[in-house]
């Protein structure tokens, strides 16, 4: 008997509105809560610039509206400017999630292009507390570059993560507001990656991973979310996005992620409103809400300024 043939679903049936591109594991900081375990000794992985362009082209063809460049620290990757220009030319918007510790002068011109926005992590208004969290005395650099970005009219949002008991989150948020940052998300530390090297519990995820979004890691692995980096559905260096996203392995991975529940989150009623305590977006404030039906009057939908 001939084995039954399974047709690949049409690309119109694949839901991929948001792609996170983790360009590198290099970072100036050594944050103890880093889900990617990145740091100064990290590398750029095996994905080349042409590889990244290829996967971005595939993503845009599948309906991706925004590509988010992350790391590590994406400004440490020598191809970032080229990849931003390629993404814009392909028809998608760009968000660069940077620690804003160091922005080379030519990079400001890149960030100032229409369709590009910035995001950064911020923890406290206290330099000593910041150094305890990040391993580096860089609070003033990040603060100054936030100001520089806003002065240039570059859209910018900040994600704050609760890492320490008694952390000065409220004071840090007030500082951001004084600087002119209006989009601020707050979340707890997720026990994934460096905070929990031995156990990777899918229950720590936001519950919307892989539903309209995916992430490519520096080695080409495709995962539902950068935080879910051990949940790998395939590799874009050997398999197309269409084949991975329509495959059995991807479906099985998504089934492992507990769905979001509770009165604040009822996606089937188009009323998903995560609370302030849970981040007000797709935790850990790393990217716009995964679910397009997420509705919060204080935030703009993904891809909008």
Protein backbone atom coordinates (compact mmCIF):
# COMPACT_ATOMS: atom_id res chain seq x y z
CA UNK A 1 0.00 0.00 0.00
CA UNK A 2 1.27 3.40 -0.93
CA UNK A 3 1.74 5.77 2.00
CA UNK A 4 -0.78 8.63 2.00
CA UNK A 5 0.53 11.91 0.62
CA UNK A 6 0.17 15.05 2.74
CA UNK A 7 0.09 18.33 0.89
CA UNK A 8 1.86 21.31 2.38
CA UNK A 9 -0.70 23.91 3.46
CA UNK A 10 -0.83 27.03 1.26
CA UNK A 11 1.31 29.90 2.51
CA UNK A 12 -1.87 31.90 3.14
CA UNK A 13 -2.71 29.41 5.91
CA UNK A 14 0.56 30.10 7.76
CA UNK A 15 0.35 32.79 10.41
CA UNK A 16 3.66 34.66 10.74
CA UNK A 17 3.23 38.36 11.38
CA UNK A 18 6.30 38.87 13.56
CA UNK A 19 9.83 37.47 13.27
CA UNK A 20 12.57 37.87 15.87
CA UNK A 21 16.05 37.59 14.38
CA UNK A 22 18.63 36.81 17.06
CA UNK A 23 21.72 37.97 15.22
CA UNK A 24 24.35 37.28 17.84
CA UNK A 25 25.20 35.98 21.27
CA UNK A 26 27.70 38.79 21.82
CA UNK A 27 26.80 41.44 24.39
CA UNK A 28 28.72 43.97 26.48
CA UNK A 29 26.64 43.03 29.53
CA UNK A 30 26.51 39.85 31.61
CA UNK A 31 22.97 39.92 32.97
CA UNK A 32 22.26 37.12 35.42
CA UNK A 33 18.67 36.82 34.16
CA UNK A 34 19.54 36.60 30.43
CA UNK A 35 17.40 33.94 28.75
CA UNK A 36 19.96 33.72 25.91
CA UNK A 37 22.98 33.40 28.23
CA UNK A 38 24.72 36.00 26.06
CA UNK A 39 27.77 38.02 27.04
CA UNK A 40 31.18 39.34 25.95
CA UNK A 41 32.37 35.86 24.97
CA UNK A 42 29.39 35.14 22.71
CA UNK A 43 29.62 34.82 18.94
CA UNK A 44 27.53 35.50 15.83
CA UNK A 45 26.67 31.87 15.21
CA UNK A 46 26.55 30.22 11.78
CA UNK A 47 23.94 32.42 10.05
CA UNK A 48 25.58 34.69 7.47
CA UNK A 49 24.15 37.98 6.24
CA UNK A 50 22.89 36.30 3.02
CA UNK A 51 21.26 33.61 5.20
CA UNK A 52 19.48 36.27 7.23
CA UNK A 53 18.33 38.08 4.09
CA UNK A 54 16.96 34.83 2.71
CA UNK A 55 14.91 34.05 5.83
CA UNK A 56 13.66 37.66 6.01
CA UNK A 57 12.48 37.42 2.40
CA UNK A 58 10.65 34.20 3.23
CA UNK A 59 9.05 35.73 6.31
CA UNK A 60 7.80 38.82 4.46
CA UNK A 61 6.36 36.57 1.74
CA UNK A 62 4.44 34.77 4.50
CA UNK A 63 2.98 38.02 5.80
CA UNK A 64 5.51 39.23 8.37
CA UNK A 65 4.94 42.91 9.12
CA UNK A 66 7.77 43.47 11.57
CA UNK A 67 11.24 41.99 12.02
CA UNK A 68 12.85 42.52 15.41
CA UNK A 69 16.64 42.32 15.60
CA UNK A 70 17.79 41.02 18.96
CA UNK A 71 20.79 39.33 20.57
CA UNK A 72 22.90 39.36 22.57
CA UNK A 73 23.36 42.90 21.48
CA UNK A 74 22.39 43.35 17.80
CA UNK A 75 24.57 46.45 17.32
CA UNK A 76 27.56 44.15 17.87
CA UNK A 77 26.75 42.37 14.60
CA UNK A 78 28.58 43.91 11.62
CA UNK A 79 25.67 43.24 9.26
CA UNK A 80 22.96 45.03 11.23
CA UNK A 81 22.78 48.16 9.05
CA UNK A 82 22.64 46.07 5.88
CA UNK A 83 19.91 43.82 7.31
CA UNK A 84 17.80 46.76 8.45
CA UNK A 85 17.93 48.27 4.97
CA UNK A 86 17.08 44.92 3.41
CA UNK A 87 14.10 44.42 5.71
CA UNK A 88 12.69 47.87 4.98
CA UNK A 89 13.14 47.33 1.24
CA UNK A 90 11.34 43.99 1.54
CA UNK A 91 8.30 45.76 2.97
CA UNK A 92 8.48 45.08 6.71
CA UNK A 93 9.08 47.41 9.61
CA UNK A 94 12.02 47.01 11.98
CA UNK A 95 12.55 47.07 15.71
CA UNK A 96 16.06 46.89 17.14
CA UNK A 97 16.15 45.65 20.72
CA UNK A 98 19.39 47.11 22.07
CA UNK A 99 20.90 47.67 25.49
CA UNK A 100 21.91 51.11 24.11
CA UNK A 101 25.25 50.89 25.87
CA UNK A 102 27.10 52.00 22.73
CA UNK A 103 25.64 53.33 19.49
CA UNK A 104 28.24 54.16 16.80
CA UNK A 105 27.56 57.50 15.13
CA UNK A 106 26.67 56.00 11.71
CA UNK A 107 24.12 53.75 13.39
CA UNK A 108 22.01 56.73 14.45
CA UNK A 109 21.38 57.49 10.78
CA UNK A 110 20.22 53.90 10.28
CA UNK A 111 17.92 54.07 13.30
CA UNK A 112 16.44 57.36 12.08
CA UNK A 113 14.97 55.83 8.92
CA UNK A 114 11.17 55.68 8.62
CA UNK A 115 9.91 52.28 9.67
CA UNK A 116 12.61 51.72 12.31
CA UNK A 117 12.04 51.83 16.05
CA UNK A 118 14.13 50.99 19.10
CA UNK A 119 13.48 49.05 22.27
CA UNK A 120 15.69 48.71 25.32
CA UNK A 121 15.81 47.05 28.71
CA UNK A 122 15.80 49.22 31.80
CA UNK A 123 15.83 48.14 35.42
CA UNK A 124 16.34 50.95 37.90
CA UNK A 125 17.37 54.54 38.46
CA UNK A 126 20.23 53.43 40.70
CA UNK A 127 23.64 52.86 39.11
CA UNK A 128 24.77 50.35 41.74
CA UNK A 129 21.60 48.30 41.39
CA UNK A 130 21.92 48.42 37.61
CA UNK A 131 25.48 47.09 37.86
CA UNK A 132 24.35 44.30 40.18
CA UNK A 133 21.75 43.22 37.59
CA UNK A 134 23.76 43.66 34.39
CA UNK A 135 27.30 43.07 35.63
CA UNK A 136 28.45 46.39 34.16
CA UNK A 137 28.42 50.06 35.20
CA UNK A 138 26.52 51.25 32.11
CA UNK A 139 23.35 52.91 33.39
CA UNK A 140 24.42 56.42 32.38
CA UNK A 141 25.37 55.27 28.87
CA UNK A 142 21.98 53.69 28.30
CA UNK A 143 20.21 56.70 29.78
CA UNK A 144 22.16 59.12 27.55
CA UNK A 145 21.43 57.07 24.44
CA UNK A 146 17.73 56.93 25.28
CA UNK A 147 17.80 60.72 25.36
CA UNK A 148 19.78 60.83 22.09
CA UNK A 149 17.25 58.56 20.37
CA UNK A 150 14.25 60.58 21.51
CA UNK A 151 15.92 63.85 20.51
CA UNK A 152 16.31 62.40 17.01
CA UNK A 153 12.62 61.49 16.94
CA UNK A 154 13.26 57.74 16.90
CA UNK A 155 10.32 55.77 18.37
CA UNK A 156 11.49 53.97 21.49
CA UNK A 157 9.95 51.74 24.11
CA UNK A 158 11.42 50.24 27.27
CA UNK A 159 10.98 46.84 28.89
CA UNK A 160 11.54 46.62 32.63
CA UNK A 161 12.14 43.26 34.31
CA UNK A 162 11.78 42.59 38.03
CA UNK A 163 14.99 40.76 38.95
CA UNK A 164 15.80 41.71 42.56
CA UNK A 165 13.74 41.91 45.73
CA UNK A 166 13.09 45.56 46.48
CA UNK A 167 14.28 46.62 43.02
CA UNK A 168 13.65 50.29 42.25
CA UNK A 169 11.27 49.58 39.37
CA UNK A 170 8.87 52.41 40.15
CA UNK A 171 11.71 54.90 40.41
CA UNK A 172 13.19 53.57 37.19
CA UNK A 173 9.87 53.96 35.44
CA UNK A 174 9.55 57.52 36.70
CA UNK A 175 13.04 58.27 35.35
CA UNK A 176 12.09 56.89 31.94
CA UNK A 177 8.98 59.04 31.91
CA UNK A 178 11.00 62.13 32.74
CA UNK A 179 13.30 61.30 29.84
CA UNK A 180 10.25 61.20 27.56
CA UNK A 181 9.64 57.44 27.21
CA UNK A 182 5.89 56.82 26.99
CA UNK A 183 5.80 53.09 26.20
CA UNK A 184 7.01 51.10 29.18
CA UNK A 185 6.32 47.43 29.93
CA UNK A 186 7.01 45.71 33.25
CA UNK A 187 7.44 42.01 33.82
CA UNK A 188 8.93 39.53 36.27
CA UNK A 189 12.07 37.53 35.55
CA UNK A 190 11.22 34.38 33.61
CA UNK A 191 12.93 31.19 34.82
CA UNK A 192 14.34 30.38 31.42
CA UNK A 193 17.92 30.36 30.17
CA UNK A 194 20.56 31.55 32.63
CA UNK A 195 18.15 31.86 35.61
CA UNK A 196 17.22 28.18 35.24
CA UNK A 197 19.93 26.27 33.35
CA UNK A 198 18.68 22.80 34.26
CA UNK A 199 14.90 23.09 33.84
CA UNK A 200 13.15 24.85 30.96
CA UNK A 201 9.47 24.94 31.89
CA UNK A 202 7.07 25.94 29.06
CA UNK A 203 4.71 27.26 31.73
CA UNK A 204 7.13 30.17 32.17
CA UNK A 205 6.24 31.39 28.66
CA UNK A 206 3.52 33.93 27.93
CA UNK A 207 1.21 31.40 26.29
CA UNK A 208 1.13 33.03 22.86
CA UNK A 209 4.48 31.74 21.61
CA UNK A 210 4.52 30.69 17.98
CA UNK A 211 1.04 31.98 17.31
CA UNK A 212 1.72 34.59 14.68
CA UNK A 213 5.38 34.81 15.65
CA UNK A 214 8.64 32.91 15.53
CA UNK A 215 12.31 33.45 16.26
CA UNK A 216 15.46 32.48 14.39
CA UNK A 217 18.53 31.84 16.55
CA UNK A 218 22.14 32.49 15.47
CA UNK A 219 22.57 28.88 14.34
CA UNK A 220 19.45 29.01 12.17
CA UNK A 221 17.16 27.15 14.57
CA UNK A 222 13.52 28.22 14.43
CA UNK A 223 11.75 28.44 17.77
CA UNK A 224 8.33 29.80 18.81
CA UNK A 225 9.97 32.51 20.94
CA UNK A 226 13.52 33.56 21.88
CA UNK A 227 12.72 32.51 25.44
CA UNK A 228 11.64 29.07 24.20
CA UNK A 229 15.05 28.45 22.64
CA UNK A 230 15.16 24.76 23.60
CA UNK A 231 11.94 24.18 21.63
CA UNK A 232 13.33 23.95 18.09
CA UNK A 233 11.07 23.16 15.17
CA UNK A 234 13.73 23.00 12.47
CA UNK A 235 16.58 24.95 10.94
CA UNK A 236 16.19 27.64 8.29
CA UNK A 237 19.62 26.81 6.88
CA UNK A 238 18.29 23.48 5.64
CA UNK A 239 14.49 23.85 5.56
CA UNK A 240 12.16 26.61 4.35
CA UNK A 241 10.05 28.60 6.79
CA UNK A 242 6.94 27.29 5.07
CA UNK A 243 7.93 23.67 5.60
CA UNK A 244 8.90 24.22 9.23
CA UNK A 245 5.78 26.20 10.15
CA UNK A 246 3.48 23.70 8.46
CA UNK A 247 5.27 20.67 9.91
CA UNK A 248 4.22 18.25 12.62
CA UNK A 249 7.15 19.15 14.86
CA UNK A 250 6.11 22.82 14.98
CA UNK A 251 2.52 21.88 15.84
CA UNK A 252 3.75 19.60 18.61
CA UNK A 253 5.94 22.35 20.04
CA UNK A 254 3.08 24.85 20.20
CA UNK A 255 0.94 22.26 21.99
CA UNK A 256 3.50 22.20 24.83
CA UNK A 257 2.95 25.88 25.63
CA UNK A 258 0.11 26.34 28.14
CA UNK A 259 -2.51 28.70 26.76
CA UNK A 260 -3.10 32.01 28.48
CA UNK A 261 -6.07 31.82 30.80
CA UNK A 262 -7.90 34.06 33.24
CA UNK A 263 -10.44 36.88 33.18
CA UNK A 264 -7.93 39.38 31.80
CA UNK A 265 -7.12 37.16 28.83
CA UNK A 266 -9.88 35.74 26.66
CA UNK A 267 -8.50 35.74 23.10
CA UNK A 268 -11.61 34.06 21.75
CA UNK A 269 -13.57 37.15 22.84
CA UNK A 270 -10.99 39.56 21.45
CA UNK A 271 -10.45 40.92 24.95
CA UNK A 272 -6.92 39.85 25.83
CA UNK A 273 -5.72 42.42 28.35
CA UNK A 274 -2.71 41.18 30.34
CA UNK A 275 -2.30 42.98 33.63
CA UNK A 276 0.41 45.48 34.50
CA UNK A 277 1.93 42.92 36.87
CA UNK A 278 2.27 40.43 34.04
CA UNK A 279 3.91 42.85 31.65
CA UNK A 280 1.04 44.33 29.62
CA UNK A 281 2.46 42.60 26.58
CA UNK A 282 4.15 39.42 25.48
CA UNK A 283 6.63 38.86 28.35
CA UNK A 284 9.28 39.67 29.18
CA UNK A 285 8.57 43.00 27.50
CA UNK A 286 10.87 41.91 24.69
CA UNK A 287 8.55 42.49 21.78
CA UNK A 288 5.09 43.73 20.78
CA UNK A 289 2.18 41.57 21.87
CA UNK A 290 2.21 38.22 20.10
CA UNK A 291 -1.55 38.07 19.82
CA UNK A 292 -2.93 40.66 17.35
CA UNK A 293 -6.19 40.68 19.30
CA UNK A 294 -4.36 41.98 22.35
CA UNK A 295 -6.03 45.26 23.15
CA UNK A 296 -4.64 47.86 25.51
CA UNK A 297 -5.48 51.55 25.10
CA UNK A 298 -2.03 52.48 26.39
CA UNK A 299 -0.20 50.62 23.62
CA UNK A 300 -0.18 50.70 19.85
CA UNK A 301 -0.57 47.44 17.92
CA UNK A 302 2.54 45.79 16.47
CA UNK A 303 4.00 47.67 13.55
CA UNK A 304 2.36 50.98 14.45
CA UNK A 305 4.06 54.04 15.82
